[in-house]
Amino acid sequence: MDIVSLVRDTRIQRILSHPEDDSSIWQRALQRLLAADIELTRQSAGESAIAALQRLMIFLGYSTAASGAFLIDGDFGRGTNRGVAQFKYDHGLGGKPDRERLCYPCRWNNARRLIDSIPETSLDQATLQAMLQTAYQRCEQNQVMCGDVELAIFHLNALHKHRFLDCRAILERYGDAALTAARAQQQKGIQIRPEWILSIIRQETAGIIRPRFEQHYLSRLNQRHPDSDLEELRMQSMSLGLGQIMGCNYDAVGAPDARALFSAPVDEQVAFVARFLKPRQAETGKGQPDEADFHRVARFYNGPKYAAHHYHERLARWFREFRLLLG
């Protein structure tokens, strides 16, 4: 299919534009792109056109911010540049960067500063067509976020407008899945109360899936596995799903690969959180946890610096709220 035919697909149109926004602006930019009048680069203007590109990239699972966040801000910055470069590499397109440039040496505390190691690229017709074609194919096969096109667009739109869910809305949307996941673990002799599952979802994503790419993870994985598929390593380098579980932990939660954490149905994503909490069942099996329990779970889930941003305190707050809502 050519670009014009792809853009006429109603699913593609909904991916490219939030329903509250005027889509005519990016459509005019598309016409200029098709006429070879422009290419989108880091020097490009036109927030609407770039925001449409960022929505498409996020739908496909590419980070758009230098921090690694999945962000729709209409700025073709270093993060969006990296995402386009990664897509070109993954799909063997012309002008793709060298693998080593995409996996530049860095640590967590300097990855953002060193992102200019990735050369500047552009969104040309061939790349746009490949992106649109990939999105179309994944829609056809339901190989999208949550394994469902409608849900994928729901999360994309909510992320675009920063419309996250409170505890009551999370319970309404994911409560049954949390109860099912808790019962499934209980049948295996593992105690994970649903309040803990829901509290992690509230803390990590507020019920709206927003992956995060970690450049230093990718650089490290590439050094260890230089011949492995780079797209899979990239997925392993992202925190994914409702529980923001790092892709490299896919085996621990019973997923076949890291991409499955991105495309798994919602009920399975909730189950992933329950399975990931298994090592902390001494705490998560409690209906009346004490302060030390919240510290232990926070450290396990968020790392040794959890207290710096009061992760344990917010986890305790969400737990109390869900316990009240569940009755």
Protein backbone atom coordinates (compact mmCIF):
# COMPACT_ATOMS: atom_id res chain seq x y z
CA MET A 1 0.00 0.00 0.00
CA ASP A 2 1.17 3.53 -0.72
CA ILE A 3 1.24 6.31 1.86
CA VAL A 4 -2.03 7.90 0.73
CA SER A 5 -3.90 4.60 0.99
CA LEU A 6 -2.42 3.89 4.39
CA VAL A 7 -3.36 7.30 5.76
CA ARG A 8 -6.94 6.81 4.58
CA ASP A 9 -7.28 3.82 6.89
CA THR A 10 -9.43 4.94 9.83
CA ARG A 11 -7.23 3.15 12.36
CA ILE A 12 -4.14 4.92 11.06
CA GLN A 13 -5.95 8.26 11.22
CA ARG A 14 -6.83 7.62 14.86
CA ILE A 15 -3.22 6.70 15.61
CA LEU A 16 -1.89 9.89 14.05
CA SER A 17 -4.29 12.37 15.63
CA HIS A 18 -5.98 12.84 18.99
CA PRO A 19 -9.76 13.19 18.50
CA GLU A 20 -9.73 16.62 20.15
CA ASP A 21 -7.05 17.99 17.81
CA ASP A 22 -7.27 19.48 14.33
CA SER A 23 -5.84 16.86 11.97
CA SER A 24 -5.84 19.14 8.91
CA ILE A 25 -2.51 20.71 9.92
CA TRP A 26 -0.45 17.51 9.85
CA GLN A 27 -2.33 16.41 6.72
CA ARG A 28 -1.06 19.52 4.93
CA ALA A 29 2.45 18.70 6.12
CA LEU A 30 1.99 15.18 4.75
CA GLN A 31 1.13 16.58 1.33
CA ARG A 32 4.33 18.61 1.35
CA LEU A 33 6.29 15.50 2.35
CA LEU A 34 4.74 13.52 -0.51
CA ALA A 35 5.64 16.33 -2.90
CA ALA A 36 9.27 16.06 -1.72
CA ASP A 37 8.98 19.65 -0.51
CA ILE A 38 10.07 18.83 3.04
CA GLU A 39 11.58 16.17 5.27
CA LEU A 40 11.09 16.11 9.02
CA THR A 41 14.37 16.64 10.83
CA ARG A 42 15.57 18.09 14.12
CA GLN A 43 15.42 21.51 12.48
CA SER A 44 11.81 21.10 11.34
CA ALA A 45 8.97 23.29 12.50
CA GLY A 46 5.37 22.20 12.72
CA GLU A 47 4.31 20.82 16.08
CA SER A 48 1.20 19.08 14.76
CA ALA A 49 3.10 17.11 12.12
CA ILE A 50 5.82 16.10 14.59
CA ALA A 51 3.22 15.18 17.23
CA ALA A 52 1.54 12.92 14.66
CA LEU A 53 4.91 11.27 14.01
CA GLN A 54 5.48 10.82 17.74
CA ARG A 55 2.06 9.21 18.18
CA LEU A 56 2.90 6.79 15.38
CA MET A 57 6.29 5.99 16.92
CA ILE A 58 4.79 5.39 20.36
CA PHE A 59 2.14 3.13 18.84
CA LEU A 60 5.00 1.11 17.32
CA GLY A 61 6.91 1.01 20.62
CA TYR A 62 9.62 3.65 20.12
CA SER A 63 10.63 6.22 22.70
CA THR A 64 10.44 9.87 21.64
CA ALA A 65 12.23 11.74 24.45
CA ALA A 66 15.92 11.99 25.29
CA SER A 67 15.05 10.83 28.81
CA GLY A 68 13.62 7.63 27.36
CA ALA A 69 10.02 8.63 28.03
CA PHE A 70 7.20 8.11 25.56
CA LEU A 71 6.32 11.76 25.04
CA ILE A 72 4.13 13.66 22.57
CA ASP A 73 5.33 17.26 22.60
CA GLY A 74 5.64 18.23 18.91
CA ASP A 75 9.43 18.62 19.17
CA PHE A 76 11.71 16.65 16.84
CA GLY A 77 14.36 16.58 19.54
CA ARG A 78 17.19 14.16 20.27
CA GLY A 79 14.79 11.53 21.60
CA THR A 80 12.56 11.54 18.54
CA ASN A 81 15.68 11.54 16.37
CA ARG A 82 16.88 8.42 18.22
CA GLY A 83 13.52 6.71 17.76
CA VAL A 84 13.51 7.35 14.01
CA ALA A 85 17.10 6.11 13.78
CA GLN A 86 16.19 2.95 15.72
CA PHE A 87 13.24 2.30 13.41
CA LYS A 88 15.44 2.72 10.35
CA TYR A 89 17.93 0.24 11.76
CA ASP A 90 15.27 -2.29 12.77
CA HIS A 91 13.75 -2.22 9.29
CA GLY A 92 16.93 -2.02 7.24
CA LEU A 93 16.10 1.33 5.66
CA GLY A 94 18.49 3.57 3.81
CA GLY A 95 20.46 5.99 5.92
CA LYS A 96 20.27 3.75 8.96
CA PRO A 97 22.93 4.47 11.59
CA ASP A 98 25.65 2.11 12.69
CA ARG A 99 24.61 -0.29 15.48
CA GLU A 100 27.43 0.89 17.70
CA ARG A 101 26.24 4.49 17.39
CA LEU A 102 22.78 3.46 18.55
CA CYS A 103 24.33 1.62 21.50
CA TYR A 104 26.87 4.26 22.48
CA PRO A 105 28.78 3.63 25.74
CA CYS A 106 27.02 5.28 28.65
CA ARG A 107 25.76 4.92 32.20
CA TRP A 108 22.39 5.76 33.67
CA ASN A 109 23.60 9.18 34.78
CA ASN A 110 25.09 10.34 31.46
CA ALA A 111 23.02 8.54 28.81
CA ARG A 112 20.90 11.61 28.15
CA ARG A 113 23.86 13.94 27.88
CA LEU A 114 25.64 11.64 25.42
CA ILE A 115 22.62 11.05 23.18
CA ASP A 116 24.14 13.26 20.50
CA SER A 117 26.40 10.27 19.79
CA ILE A 118 23.50 9.15 17.60
CA PRO A 119 23.76 10.97 14.26
CA GLU A 120 20.98 13.22 13.09
CA THR A 121 18.48 11.56 10.80
CA SER A 122 15.31 12.53 8.96
CA LEU A 123 11.85 11.23 8.31
CA ASP A 124 11.70 10.77 4.55
CA GLN A 125 8.96 9.20 2.46
CA ALA A 126 10.44 5.71 2.61
CA THR A 127 10.68 5.78 6.39
CA LEU A 128 7.18 7.18 6.83
CA GLN A 129 5.73 4.57 4.50
CA ALA A 130 7.53 1.80 6.39
CA MET A 131 6.20 3.14 9.71
CA LEU A 132 2.65 3.37 8.42
CA GLN A 133 2.85 -0.06 6.80
CA THR A 134 4.18 -1.59 10.01
CA ALA A 135 1.39 0.04 12.02
CA TYR A 136 -1.19 -1.22 9.52
CA GLN A 137 0.16 -4.77 9.66
CA ARG A 138 0.25 -4.80 13.45
CA CYS A 139 -3.33 -3.55 13.56
CA GLU A 140 -4.34 -6.37 11.24
CA GLN A 141 -2.59 -8.92 13.46
CA ASN A 142 -3.42 -7.25 16.81
CA GLN A 143 0.30 -7.16 17.58
CA VAL A 144 -0.11 -3.84 19.34
CA MET A 145 -0.05 -2.53 22.89
CA CYS A 146 -2.45 -4.63 25.00
CA GLY A 147 -3.06 -6.88 21.99
CA ASP A 148 -6.04 -4.75 21.05
CA VAL A 149 -6.16 -1.77 18.69
CA GLU A 150 -8.93 0.02 20.59
CA LEU A 151 -7.11 -0.29 23.90
CA ALA A 152 -3.82 0.74 22.32
CA ILE A 153 -5.43 3.94 21.01
CA PHE A 154 -7.12 4.55 24.38
CA HIS A 155 -3.75 4.47 26.15
CA LEU A 156 -2.12 6.55 23.40
CA ASN A 157 -4.77 9.26 23.68
CA ALA A 158 -4.64 9.29 27.48
CA LEU A 159 -0.85 9.56 27.40
CA HIS A 160 -1.04 12.40 24.87
CA LYS A 161 -3.27 14.50 27.14
CA HIS A 162 -1.78 13.26 30.44
CA ARG A 163 -5.10 11.86 31.59
CA PHE A 164 -4.16 9.29 34.17
CA LEU A 165 -6.46 7.26 36.38
CA ASP A 166 -7.16 7.57 40.09
CA CYS A 167 -7.58 4.58 42.39
CA ARG A 168 -11.30 4.24 41.81
CA ALA A 169 -10.91 4.26 38.02
CA ILE A 170 -8.04 1.77 38.23
CA LEU A 171 -10.19 -0.54 40.35
CA GLU A 172 -13.04 -0.30 37.84
CA ARG A 173 -10.76 -1.03 34.89
CA TYR A 174 -8.34 -3.58 36.38
CA GLY A 175 -9.92 -4.78 39.62
CA ASP A 176 -11.37 -8.03 38.28
CA ALA A 177 -8.06 -8.89 36.62
CA ALA A 178 -6.21 -8.23 39.89
CA LEU A 179 -8.58 -10.52 41.80
CA THR A 180 -8.12 -13.22 39.17
CA ALA A 181 -4.33 -12.85 39.24
CA ALA A 182 -4.28 -13.05 43.04
CA ARG A 183 -6.41 -16.21 43.01
CA ALA A 184 -4.17 -17.78 40.36
CA GLN A 185 -1.13 -17.22 42.56
CA GLN A 186 -2.98 -18.51 45.61
CA GLN A 187 -3.69 -21.78 43.81
CA LYS A 188 0.08 -22.17 43.52
CA GLY A 189 0.53 -21.50 47.23
CA ILE A 190 1.71 -17.92 46.66
CA GLN A 191 0.02 -15.13 48.58
CA ILE A 192 -0.32 -11.88 46.63
CA ARG A 193 -3.23 -9.72 47.71
CA PRO A 194 -5.01 -7.74 44.96
CA GLU A 195 -4.46 -4.48 46.87
CA TRP A 196 -0.72 -4.84 46.28
CA ILE A 197 -1.16 -5.50 42.57
CA LEU A 198 -3.40 -2.48 42.14
CA SER A 199 -1.12 -0.29 44.28
CA ILE A 200 1.85 -1.09 42.05
CA ILE A 201 -0.19 -0.20 38.96
CA ARG A 202 -1.30 3.06 40.57
CA GLN A 203 2.24 3.97 41.51
CA GLU A 204 3.99 2.92 38.32
CA THR A 205 1.61 4.04 35.56
CA ALA A 206 -1.59 5.38 37.12
CA GLY A 207 -3.36 2.87 34.90
CA ILE A 208 -2.13 4.35 31.61
CA ILE A 209 0.62 2.40 29.90
CA ARG A 210 3.66 4.59 29.26
CA PRO A 211 6.82 2.58 28.57
CA ARG A 212 10.24 4.01 29.24
CA PHE A 213 13.42 3.24 27.33
CA GLU A 214 16.72 2.96 29.20
CA GLN A 215 19.66 3.69 26.89
CA HIS A 216 22.27 2.43 29.34
CA TYR A 217 20.49 -0.94 29.47
CA LEU A 218 20.59 -1.25 25.69
CA SER A 219 24.25 -0.28 25.54
CA ARG A 220 25.08 -2.87 28.18
CA LEU A 221 23.00 -5.63 26.56
CA ASN A 222 24.51 -4.92 23.17
CA GLN A 223 27.99 -5.23 24.63
CA ARG A 224 27.08 -8.63 26.08
CA HIS A 225 25.11 -9.85 23.05
CA PRO A 226 26.52 -8.09 19.97
CA ASP A 227 24.96 -10.59 17.57
CA SER A 228 21.47 -10.65 19.08
CA ASP A 229 18.48 -9.03 17.41
CA LEU A 230 18.74 -5.35 18.32
CA GLU A 231 14.97 -4.80 18.35
CA GLU A 232 14.53 -7.49 21.00
CA LEU A 233 17.41 -6.01 23.02
CA ARG A 234 15.72 -2.61 22.77
CA MET A 235 12.48 -4.08 24.12
CA GLN A 236 14.44 -5.71 26.94
CA SER A 237 15.77 -2.23 27.74
CA MET A 238 12.33 -0.75 28.37
CA SER A 239 10.00 -0.80 31.35
CA LEU A 240 6.75 -2.09 29.92
CA GLY A 241 3.10 -2.63 30.65
CA LEU A 242 0.86 -1.55 33.50
CA GLY A 243 3.51 -2.47 36.05
CA GLN A 244 6.51 -0.93 34.27
CA ILE A 245 8.35 -4.26 34.36
CA MET A 246 11.74 -4.17 32.65
CA GLY A 247 11.66 -6.16 29.44
CA CYS A 248 14.75 -8.11 30.47
CA ASN A 249 12.58 -9.71 33.19
CA TYR A 250 10.23 -11.30 30.67
CA ASP A 251 11.14 -14.84 31.69
CA ALA A 252 10.50 -14.14 35.38
CA VAL A 253 6.87 -13.26 34.66
CA GLY A 254 6.23 -16.09 32.22
CA ALA A 255 6.40 -14.15 28.95
CA PRO A 256 8.05 -15.67 25.85
CA ASP A 257 10.06 -12.53 25.09
CA ALA A 258 10.25 -8.84 25.93
CA ARG A 259 7.86 -7.76 23.16
CA ALA A 260 5.17 -9.88 24.81
CA LEU A 261 5.26 -7.51 27.79
CA PHE A 262 4.25 -4.74 25.36
CA SER A 263 1.58 -6.60 23.40
CA ALA A 264 0.07 -8.85 26.09
CA PRO A 265 -3.65 -8.40 26.85
CA VAL A 266 -4.50 -6.26 29.86
CA ASP A 267 -5.46 -9.21 32.07
CA GLU A 268 -2.09 -10.80 31.37
CA GLN A 269 -0.28 -7.55 32.14
CA VAL A 270 -1.98 -7.46 35.53
CA ALA A 271 -0.92 -11.08 36.03
CA PHE A 272 2.66 -10.11 35.18
CA VAL A 273 2.65 -7.72 38.15
CA ALA A 274 1.41 -10.48 40.46
CA ARG A 275 4.09 -12.89 39.23
CA PHE A 276 6.81 -10.29 39.56
CA LEU A 277 5.85 -9.74 43.21
CA LYS A 278 6.28 -13.43 44.03
CA PRO A 279 9.69 -13.01 45.77
CA ARG A 280 8.05 -10.58 48.20
CA GLN A 281 5.06 -12.72 49.11
CA ALA A 282 6.01 -12.50 52.79
CA GLU A 283 4.89 -8.87 52.58
CA THR A 284 2.34 -8.94 49.75
CA GLY A 285 0.34 -11.70 51.39
CA LYS A 286 -0.51 -9.42 54.29
CA GLY A 287 -3.83 -7.65 54.55
CA GLN A 288 -2.46 -5.43 57.32
CA PRO A 289 1.13 -4.65 56.28
CA ASP A 290 3.30 -2.49 58.51
CA GLU A 291 5.68 0.29 57.53
CA ALA A 292 8.62 -2.08 57.11
CA ASP A 293 6.64 -4.12 54.58
CA PHE A 294 6.14 -1.08 52.37
CA HIS A 295 9.84 -0.30 52.58
CA ARG A 296 10.77 -3.84 51.52
CA VAL A 297 8.36 -3.96 48.60
CA ALA A 298 9.35 -0.46 47.49
CA ARG A 299 13.03 -1.37 47.48
CA PHE A 300 12.35 -4.59 45.59
CA TYR A 301 10.24 -2.92 42.93
CA ASN A 302 11.90 0.47 42.59
CA GLY A 303 15.50 -0.13 43.64
CA PRO A 304 17.75 1.04 46.47
CA LYS A 305 16.99 4.74 45.99
CA TYR A 306 13.24 4.29 46.42
CA ALA A 307 13.09 6.48 49.53
CA ALA A 308 14.50 9.52 47.72
CA HIS A 309 11.13 10.02 46.02
CA HIS A 310 9.00 8.56 48.82
CA TYR A 311 7.98 5.48 46.84
CA HIS A 312 7.15 3.53 50.01
CA GLU A 313 4.92 6.29 51.36
CA ARG A 314 2.88 6.52 48.18
CA LEU A 315 2.66 2.75 47.95
CA ALA A 316 1.22 2.69 51.48
CA ARG A 317 -1.26 5.40 50.56
CA TRP A 318 -2.50 3.51 47.49
CA PHE A 319 -2.72 0.26 49.46
CA ARG A 320 -4.95 1.86 52.09
CA GLU A 321 -7.13 3.38 49.37
CA PHE A 322 -7.60 0.10 47.52
CA ARG A 323 -8.27 -1.79 50.74
CA LEU A 324 -11.02 0.71 51.50
CA LEU A 325 -12.48 0.48 47.98
CA LEU A 326 -12.39 -3.32 47.97
CA GLY A 327 -14.18 -3.39 51.31
